Amino acid sequence: MNYLICYDIRDKKRLVSVHNAVADCAMSVQLSVYYAAIDEQQLTGLCNKLNGIIDQKVDDIRIYPVKSFSECESIGRSRLATMLFDD
């Protein structure tokens, strides 16, 4: 499956931990927004890991199922393209 993972983390230390956990299995498409092509078991593992990091009273993580990256619509230059092609 393909997922869009978005997060808003209030504490810098937790933010770095969430970023590292998500970046291990997904690619960045915008700041705090990642695209992951992972199976259900990997998603469950990621969710369990993130639950151990965040403060559920103030932090917010959203995971949306999406089409494959090549089928997604994009308007403007993507952050991924900027990272790959800018000097």
PDB file of N, CA and C in Angstrom:
ATOM      1  N   MET A   1       0.843  -1.194   0.000  1.00  0.00           N
ATOM      2  CA  MET A   1       0.000   0.000   0.000  1.00  0.00           C
ATOM      3  C   MET A   1       0.882   1.250   0.000  1.00  0.00           C
ATOM      4  N   ASN A   2       0.258   2.339  -0.377  1.00  0.00           N
ATOM      5  CA  ASN A   2       0.939   3.626  -0.419  1.00  0.00           C
ATOM      6  C   ASN A   2       0.256   4.574   0.554  1.00  0.00           C
ATOM      7  N   TYR A   3       1.073   5.303   1.295  1.00  0.00           N
ATOM      8  CA  TYR A   3       0.531   6.186   2.332  1.00  0.00           C
ATOM      9  C   TYR A   3       1.196   7.553   2.286  1.00  0.00           C
ATOM     10  N   LEU A   4       0.432   8.556   2.643  1.00  0.00           N
ATOM     11  CA  LEU A   4       0.948   9.889   2.885  1.00  0.00           C
ATOM     12  C   LEU A   4       0.978  10.052   4.401  1.00  0.00           C
ATOM     13  N   ILE A   5       2.145  10.356   4.939  1.00  0.00           N
ATOM     14  CA  ILE A   5       2.324  10.503   6.380  1.00  0.00           C
ATOM     15  C   ILE A   5       2.643  11.965   6.658  1.00  0.00           C
ATOM     16  N   CYS A   6       1.810  12.594   7.476  1.00  0.00           N
ATOM     17  CA  CYS A   6       1.952  14.023   7.785  1.00  0.00           C
ATOM     18  C   CYS A   6       2.007  14.174   9.303  1.00  0.00           C
ATOM     19  N   TYR A   7       2.853  15.053   9.770  1.00  0.00           N
ATOM     20  CA  TYR A   7       2.925  15.215  11.223  1.00  0.00           C
ATOM     21  C   TYR A   7       3.153  16.658  11.634  1.00  0.00           C
ATOM     22  N   ASP A   8       2.672  16.956  12.843  1.00  0.00           N
ATOM     23  CA  ASP A   8       2.859  18.244  13.495  1.00  0.00           C
ATOM     24  C   ASP A   8       3.243  17.918  14.938  1.00  0.00           C
ATOM     25  N   ILE A   9       4.516  18.075  15.249  1.00  0.00           N
ATOM     26  CA  ILE A   9       5.044  17.690  16.545  1.00  0.00           C
ATOM     27  C   ILE A   9       5.507  18.946  17.280  1.00  0.00           C
ATOM     28  N   ARG A  10       5.063  19.134  18.510  1.00  0.00           N
ATOM     29  CA  ARG A  10       5.296  20.378  19.238  1.00  0.00           C
ATOM     30  C   ARG A  10       6.669  20.514  19.886  1.00  0.00           C
ATOM     31  N   ASP A  11       7.313  19.409  20.190  1.00  0.00           N
ATOM     32  CA  ASP A  11       8.595  19.435  20.898  1.00  0.00           C
ATOM     33  C   ASP A  11       9.715  19.057  19.936  1.00  0.00           C
ATOM     34  N   LYS A  12      10.794  19.821  19.932  1.00  0.00           N
ATOM     35  CA  LYS A  12      11.877  19.597  18.971  1.00  0.00           C
ATOM     36  C   LYS A  12      12.496  18.205  19.111  1.00  0.00           C
ATOM     37  N   LYS A  13      12.701  17.737  20.329  1.00  0.00           N
ATOM     38  CA  LYS A  13      13.292  16.409  20.529  1.00  0.00           C
ATOM     39  C   LYS A  13      12.378  15.318  19.966  1.00  0.00           C
ATOM     40  N   ARG A  14      11.080  15.412  20.236  1.00  0.00           N
ATOM     41  CA  ARG A  14      10.137  14.436  19.683  1.00  0.00           C
ATOM     42  C   ARG A  14      10.053  14.570  18.169  1.00  0.00           C
ATOM     43  N   LEU A  15      10.119  15.801  17.667  1.00  0.00           N
ATOM     44  CA  LEU A  15      10.079  16.039  16.223  1.00  0.00           C
ATOM     45  C   LEU A  15      11.231  15.319  15.524  1.00  0.00           C
ATOM     46  N   VAL A  16      12.418  15.426  16.058  1.00  0.00           N
ATOM     47  CA  VAL A  16      13.578  14.757  15.467  1.00  0.00           C
ATOM     48  C   VAL A  16      13.379  13.244  15.499  1.00  0.00           C
ATOM     49  N   SER A  17      12.861  12.724  16.603  1.00  0.00           N
ATOM     50  CA  SER A  17      12.628  11.281  16.712  1.00  0.00           C
ATOM     51  C   SER A  17      11.571  10.804  15.722  1.00  0.00           C
ATOM     52  N   VAL A  18      10.494  11.573  15.574  1.00  0.00           N
ATOM     53  CA  VAL A  18       9.447  11.219  14.609  1.00  0.00           C
ATOM     54  C   VAL A  18      10.005  11.293  13.196  1.00  0.00           C
ATOM     55  N   HIS A  19      10.715  12.363  12.901  1.00  0.00           N
ATOM     56  CA  HIS A  19      11.323  12.503  11.568  1.00  0.00           C
ATOM     57  C   HIS A  19      12.199  11.295  11.241  1.00  0.00           C
ATOM     58  N   ASN A  20      13.062  10.908  12.157  1.00  0.00           N
ATOM     59  CA  ASN A  20      13.962   9.776  11.920  1.00  0.00           C
ATOM     60  C   ASN A  20      13.197   8.479  11.703  1.00  0.00           C
ATOM     61  N   ALA A  21      12.156   8.253  12.488  1.00  0.00           N
ATOM     62  CA  ALA A  21      11.356   7.024  12.355  1.00  0.00           C
ATOM     63  C   ALA A  21      10.656   6.979  11.002  1.00  0.00           C
ATOM     64  N   VAL A  22      10.072   8.100  10.595  1.00  0.00           N
ATOM     65  CA  VAL A  22       9.343   8.143   9.326  1.00  0.00           C
ATOM     66  C   VAL A  22      10.317   8.092   8.144  1.00  0.00           C
ATOM     67  N   ALA A  23      11.415   8.816   8.249  1.00  0.00           N
ATOM     68  CA  ALA A  23      12.395   8.859   7.153  1.00  0.00           C
ATOM     69  C   ALA A  23      13.042   7.498   6.905  1.00  0.00           C
ATOM     70  N   ASP A  24      13.015   6.614   7.884  1.00  0.00           N
ATOM     71  CA  ASP A  24      13.575   5.271   7.697  1.00  0.00           C
ATOM     72  C   ASP A  24      12.780   4.441   6.689  1.00  0.00           C
ATOM     73  N   CYS A  25      11.493   4.779   6.497  1.00  0.00           N
ATOM     74  CA  CYS A  25      10.671   3.938   5.613  1.00  0.00           C
ATOM     75  C   CYS A  25       9.910   4.743   4.560  1.00  0.00           C
ATOM     76  N   ALA A  26      10.136   6.050   4.487  1.00  0.00           N
ATOM     77  CA  ALA A  26       9.374   6.886   3.556  1.00  0.00           C
ATOM     78  C   ALA A  26      10.264   7.969   2.971  1.00  0.00           C
ATOM     79  N   MET A  27       9.796   8.567   1.856  1.00  0.00           N
ATOM     80  CA  MET A  27      10.564   9.656   1.256  1.00  0.00           C
ATOM     81  C   MET A  27       9.826  10.978   1.462  1.00  0.00           C
ATOM     82  N   SER A  28      10.605  12.000   1.692  1.00  0.00           N
ATOM     83  CA  SER A  28      10.063  13.328   1.948  1.00  0.00           C
ATOM     84  C   SER A  28       9.506  13.926   0.657  1.00  0.00           C
ATOM     85  N   VAL A  29       8.282  14.452   0.717  1.00  0.00           N
ATOM     86  CA  VAL A  29       7.707  15.154  -0.433  1.00  0.00           C
ATOM     87  C   VAL A  29       7.479  16.622  -0.121  1.00  0.00           C
ATOM     88  N   GLN A  30       7.345  16.952   1.149  1.00  0.00           N
ATOM     89  CA  GLN A  30       7.281  18.329   1.634  1.00  0.00           C
ATOM     90  C   GLN A  30       7.751  18.302   3.079  1.00  0.00           C
ATOM     91  N   LEU A  31       7.952  19.459   3.686  1.00  0.00           N
ATOM     92  CA  LEU A  31       8.332  19.476   5.091  1.00  0.00           C
ATOM     93  C   LEU A  31       7.244  18.793   5.917  1.00  0.00           C
ATOM     94  N   SER A  32       7.624  17.819   6.700  1.00  0.00           N
ATOM     95  CA  SER A  32       6.717  17.059   7.576  1.00  0.00           C
ATOM     96  C   SER A  32       5.662  16.269   6.817  1.00  0.00           C
ATOM     97  N   VAL A  33       5.897  16.005   5.536  1.00  0.00           N
ATOM     98  CA  VAL A  33       4.985  15.189   4.726  1.00  0.00           C
ATOM     99  C   VAL A  33       5.840  14.156   3.978  1.00  0.00           C
ATOM    100  N   TYR A  34       5.458  12.891   4.125  1.00  0.00           N
ATOM    101  CA  TYR A  34       6.235  11.795   3.550  1.00  0.00           C
ATOM    102  C   TYR A  34       5.334  10.849   2.778  1.00  0.00           C
ATOM    103  N   TYR A  35       5.925  10.202   1.769  1.00  0.00           N
ATOM    104  CA  TYR A  35       5.246   9.177   0.980  1.00  0.00           C
ATOM    105  C   TYR A  35       5.908   7.850   1.289  1.00  0.00           C
ATOM    106  N   ALA A  36       5.091   6.858   1.654  1.00  0.00           N
ATOM    107  CA  ALA A  36       5.622   5.534   1.991  1.00  0.00           C
ATOM    108  C   ALA A  36       4.918   4.457   1.184  1.00  0.00           C
ATOM    109  N   ALA A  37       5.692   3.584   0.581  1.00  0.00           N
ATOM    110  CA  ALA A  37       5.168   2.388  -0.088  1.00  0.00           C
ATOM    111  C   ALA A  37       5.543   1.213   0.819  1.00  0.00           C
ATOM    112  N   ILE A  38       4.664   0.887   1.757  1.00  0.00           N
ATOM    113  CA  ILE A  38       4.954  -0.127   2.769  1.00  0.00           C
ATOM    114  C   ILE A  38       3.762  -1.056   2.925  1.00  0.00           C
ATOM    115  N   ASP A  39       4.025  -2.232   3.455  1.00  0.00           N
ATOM    116  CA  ASP A  39       2.933  -3.177   3.671  1.00  0.00           C
ATOM    117  C   ASP A  39       2.284  -2.938   5.038  1.00  0.00           C
ATOM    118  N   GLU A  40       1.216  -3.674   5.302  1.00  0.00           N
ATOM    119  CA  GLU A  40       0.441  -3.470   6.534  1.00  0.00           C
ATOM    120  C   GLU A  40       1.279  -3.739   7.783  1.00  0.00           C
ATOM    121  N   GLN A  41       2.121  -4.744   7.733  1.00  0.00           N
ATOM    122  CA  GLN A  41       2.969  -5.070   8.885  1.00  0.00           C
ATOM    123  C   GLN A  41       3.961  -3.931   9.166  1.00  0.00           C
ATOM    124  N   GLN A  42       4.542  -3.370   8.118  1.00  0.00           N
ATOM    125  CA  GLN A  42       5.458  -2.246   8.295  1.00  0.00           C
ATOM    126  C   GLN A  42       4.729  -1.028   8.837  1.00  0.00           C
ATOM    127  N   LEU A  43       3.511  -0.786   8.350  1.00  0.00           N
ATOM    128  CA  LEU A  43       2.722   0.340   8.838  1.00  0.00           C
ATOM    129  C   LEU A  43       2.404   0.164  10.323  1.00  0.00           C
ATOM    130  N   THR A  44       2.017  -1.039  10.712  1.00  0.00           N
ATOM    131  CA  THR A  44       1.726  -1.302  12.118  1.00  0.00           C
ATOM    132  C   THR A  44       2.960  -1.065  12.975  1.00  0.00           C
ATOM    133  N   GLY A  45       4.111  -1.530  12.509  1.00  0.00           N
ATOM    134  CA  GLY A  45       5.358  -1.310  13.242  1.00  0.00           C
ATOM    135  C   GLY A  45       5.687   0.169  13.377  1.00  0.00           C
ATOM    136  N   LEU A  46       5.495   0.923  12.290  1.00  0.00           N
ATOM    137  CA  LEU A  46       5.747   2.362  12.330  1.00  0.00           C
ATOM    138  C   LEU A  46       4.800   3.051  13.305  1.00  0.00           C
ATOM    139  N   CYS A  47       3.527   2.699  13.248  1.00  0.00           N
ATOM    140  CA  CYS A  47       2.544   3.309  14.164  1.00  0.00           C
ATOM    141  C   CYS A  47       2.891   3.012  15.619  1.00  0.00           C
ATOM    142  N   ASN A  48       3.296   1.789  15.902  1.00  0.00           N
ATOM    143  CA  ASN A  48       3.688   1.436  17.267  1.00  0.00           C
ATOM    144  C   ASN A  48       4.893   2.250  17.716  1.00  0.00           C
ATOM    145  N   LYS A  49       5.865   2.401  16.832  1.00  0.00           N
ATOM    146  CA  LYS A  49       7.060   3.185  17.144  1.00  0.00           C
ATOM    147  C   LYS A  49       6.691   4.644  17.408  1.00  0.00           C
ATOM    148  N   LEU A  50       5.848   5.218  16.531  1.00  0.00           N
ATOM    149  CA  LEU A  50       5.449   6.619  16.682  1.00  0.00           C
ATOM    150  C   LEU A  50       4.635   6.845  17.950  1.00  0.00           C
ATOM    151  N   ASN A  51       3.779   5.886  18.292  1.00  0.00           N
ATOM    152  CA  ASN A  51       2.997   5.996  19.532  1.00  0.00           C
ATOM    153  C   ASN A  51       3.892   6.067  20.757  1.00  0.00           C
ATOM    154  N   GLY A  52       5.053   5.428  20.686  1.00  0.00           N
ATOM    155  CA  GLY A  52       5.999   5.475  21.791  1.00  0.00           C
ATOM    156  C   GLY A  52       6.790   6.762  21.869  1.00  0.00           C
ATOM    157  N   ILE A  53       6.736   7.565  20.829  1.00  0.00           N
ATOM    158  CA  ILE A  53       7.505   8.810  20.774  1.00  0.00           C
ATOM    159  C   ILE A  53       6.659  10.029  21.119  1.00  0.00           C
ATOM    160  N   ILE A  54       5.468  10.101  20.567  1.00  0.00           N
ATOM    161  CA  ILE A  54       4.699  11.354  20.620  1.00  0.00           C
ATOM    162  C   ILE A  54       3.981  11.557  21.957  1.00  0.00           C
ATOM    163  N   ASP A  55       3.592  12.803  22.182  1.00  0.00           N
ATOM    164  CA  ASP A  55       2.685  13.171  23.275  1.00  0.00           C
ATOM    165  C   ASP A  55       1.314  13.312  22.628  1.00  0.00           C
ATOM    166  N   GLN A  56       0.433  12.376  22.873  1.00  0.00           N
ATOM    167  CA  GLN A  56      -0.860  12.349  22.194  1.00  0.00           C
ATOM    168  C   GLN A  56      -1.762  13.533  22.548  1.00  0.00           C
ATOM    169  N   LYS A  57      -1.416  14.279  23.573  1.00  0.00           N
ATOM    170  CA  LYS A  57      -2.210  15.452  23.949  1.00  0.00           C
ATOM    171  C   LYS A  57      -1.913  16.660  23.063  1.00  0.00           C
ATOM    172  N   VAL A  58      -0.700  16.722  22.490  1.00  0.00           N
ATOM    173  CA  VAL A  58      -0.331  17.922  21.717  1.00  0.00           C
ATOM    174  C   VAL A  58       0.196  17.640  20.320  1.00  0.00           C
ATOM    175  N   ASP A  59       0.649  16.417  20.055  1.00  0.00           N
ATOM    176  CA  ASP A  59       1.207  16.085  18.744  1.00  0.00           C
ATOM    177  C   ASP A  59       0.133  15.474  17.852  1.00  0.00           C
ATOM    178  N   ASP A  60       0.349  15.570  16.542  1.00  0.00           N
ATOM    179  CA  ASP A  60      -0.635  15.064  15.579  1.00  0.00           C
ATOM    180  C   ASP A  60       0.096  14.392  14.422  1.00  0.00           C
ATOM    181  N   ILE A  61      -0.244  13.135  14.171  1.00  0.00           N
ATOM    182  CA  ILE A  61       0.282  12.409  13.017  1.00  0.00           C
ATOM    183  C   ILE A  61      -0.913  11.869  12.247  1.00  0.00           C
ATOM    184  N   ARG A  62      -0.929  12.101  10.942  1.00  0.00           N
ATOM    185  CA  ARG A  62      -1.994  11.612  10.065  1.00  0.00           C
ATOM    186  C   ARG A  62      -1.391  10.701   9.018  1.00  0.00           C
ATOM    187  N   ILE A  63      -2.035   9.573   8.764  1.00  0.00           N
ATOM    188  CA  ILE A  63      -1.579   8.631   7.748  1.00  0.00           C
ATOM    189  C   ILE A  63      -2.759   8.340   6.830  1.00  0.00           C
ATOM    190  N   TYR A  64      -2.611   8.716   5.562  1.00  0.00           N
ATOM    191  CA  TYR A  64      -3.674   8.582   4.580  1.00  0.00           C
ATOM    192  C   TYR A  64      -3.272   7.582   3.499  1.00  0.00           C
ATOM    193  N   PRO A  65      -4.129   6.637   3.160  1.00  0.00           N
ATOM    194  CA  PRO A  65      -3.828   5.786   1.997  1.00  0.00           C
ATOM    195  C   PRO A  65      -3.964   6.626   0.727  1.00  0.00           C
ATOM    196  N   VAL A  66      -3.027   6.452  -0.208  1.00  0.00           N
ATOM    197  CA  VAL A  66      -3.036   7.222  -1.455  1.00  0.00           C
ATOM    198  C   VAL A  66      -2.683   6.318  -2.629  1.00  0.00           C
ATOM    199  N   LYS A  67      -2.855   6.850  -3.826  1.00  0.00           N
ATOM    200  CA  LYS A  67      -2.432   6.162  -5.045  1.00  0.00           C
ATOM    201  C   LYS A  67      -0.914   6.071  -5.055  1.00  0.00           C
ATOM    202  N   SER A  68      -0.380   5.341  -5.999  1.00  0.00           N
ATOM    203  CA  SER A  68       1.078   5.278  -6.115  1.00  0.00           C
ATOM    204  C   SER A  68       1.610   6.676  -6.430  1.00  0.00           C
ATOM    205  N   PHE A  69       2.871   6.899  -6.099  1.00  0.00           N
ATOM    206  CA  PHE A  69       3.471   8.217  -6.269  1.00  0.00           C
ATOM    207  C   PHE A  69       3.370   8.707  -7.705  1.00  0.00           C
ATOM    208  N   SER A  70       3.540   7.800  -8.657  1.00  0.00           N
ATOM    209  CA  SER A  70       3.492   8.192 -10.069  1.00  0.00           C
ATOM    210  C   SER A  70       2.089   8.587 -10.519  1.00  0.00           C
ATOM    211  N   GLU A  71       1.053   8.173  -9.796  1.00  0.00           N
ATOM    212  CA  GLU A  71      -0.325   8.508 -10.154  1.00  0.00           C
ATOM    213  C   GLU A  71      -0.856   9.751  -9.441  1.00  0.00           C
ATOM    214  N   CYS A  72      -0.111  10.279  -8.475  1.00  0.00           N
ATOM    215  CA  CYS A  72      -0.579  11.437  -7.707  1.00  0.00           C
ATOM    216  C   CYS A  72      -0.463  12.712  -8.528  1.00  0.00           C
ATOM    217  N   GLU A  73      -1.413  13.589  -8.375  1.00  0.00           N
ATOM    218  CA  GLU A  73      -1.389  14.892  -9.032  1.00  0.00           C
ATOM    219  C   GLU A  73      -0.517  15.850  -8.237  1.00  0.00           C
ATOM    220  N   SER A  74       0.203  16.683  -8.935  1.00  0.00           N
ATOM    221  CA  SER A  74       1.065  17.664  -8.290  1.00  0.00           C
ATOM    222  C   SER A  74       0.970  18.972  -9.058  1.00  0.00           C
ATOM    223  N   ILE A  75       0.932  20.064  -8.335  1.00  0.00           N
ATOM    224  CA  ILE A  75       0.905  21.393  -8.946  1.00  0.00           C
ATOM    225  C   ILE A  75       2.128  22.142  -8.430  1.00  0.00           C
ATOM    226  N   GLY A  76       2.920  22.692  -9.326  1.00  0.00           N
ATOM    227  CA  GLY A  76       4.138  23.381  -8.928  1.00  0.00           C
ATOM    228  C   GLY A  76       5.286  22.402  -8.780  1.00  0.00           C
ATOM    229  N   ARG A  77       6.406  22.921  -8.444  1.00  0.00           N
ATOM    230  CA  ARG A  77       7.605  22.100  -8.312  1.00  0.00           C
ATOM    231  C   ARG A  77       7.612  21.418  -6.948  1.00  0.00           C
ATOM    232  N   SER A  78       7.789  20.126  -6.966  1.00  0.00           N
ATOM    233  CA  SER A  78       7.767  19.381  -5.709  1.00  0.00           C
ATOM    234  C   SER A  78       9.074  19.566  -4.947  1.00  0.00           C
ATOM    235  N   ARG A  79       9.003  19.416  -3.643  1.00  0.00           N
ATOM    236  CA  ARG A  79      10.199  19.476  -2.806  1.00  0.00           C
ATOM    237  C   ARG A  79      11.152  18.359  -3.199  1.00  0.00           C
ATOM    238  N   LEU A  80      10.614  17.200  -3.539  1.00  0.00           N
ATOM    239  CA  LEU A  80      11.450  16.074  -3.941  1.00  0.00           C
ATOM    240  C   LEU A  80      12.252  16.421  -5.194  1.00  0.00           C
ATOM    241  N   ALA A  81      11.605  17.034  -6.173  1.00  0.00           N
ATOM    242  CA  ALA A  81      12.312  17.435  -7.392  1.00  0.00           C
ATOM    243  C   ALA A  81      13.398  18.456  -7.067  1.00  0.00           C
ATOM    244  N   THR A  82      13.108  19.365  -6.158  1.00  0.00           N
ATOM    245  CA  THR A  82      14.083  20.378  -5.755  1.00  0.00           C
ATOM    246  C   THR A  82      15.290  19.713  -5.116  1.00  0.00           C
ATOM    247  N   MET A  83      15.051  18.727  -4.260  1.00  0.00           N
ATOM    248  CA  MET A  83      16.155  18.038  -3.586  1.00  0.00           C
ATOM    249  C   MET A  83      16.995  17.242  -4.583  1.00  0.00           C
ATOM    250  N   LEU A  84      16.358  16.662  -5.599  1.00  0.00           N
ATOM    251  CA  LEU A  84      17.065  15.806  -6.533  1.00  0.00           C
ATOM    252  C   LEU A  84      17.799  16.576  -7.628  1.00  0.00           C
ATOM    253  N   PHE A  85      17.252  17.720  -8.057  1.00  0.00           N
ATOM    254  CA  PHE A  85      17.753  18.338  -9.267  1.00  0.00           C
ATOM    255  C   PHE A  85      18.407  19.709  -9.084  1.00  0.00           C
ATOM    256  N   ASP A  86      18.279  20.345  -7.940  1.00  0.00           N
ATOM    257  CA  ASP A  86      18.935  21.632  -7.747  1.00  0.00           C
ATOM    258  C   ASP A  86      20.387  21.425  -7.358  1.00  0.00           C
ATOM    259  N   ASP A  87      21.223  22.354  -7.791  1.00  0.00           N
ATOM    260  CA  ASP A  87      22.649  22.272  -7.440  1.00  0.00           C
ATOM    261  C   ASP A  87      22.908  23.016  -6.162  1.00  0.00           C
TER     262      ASP A  87
END
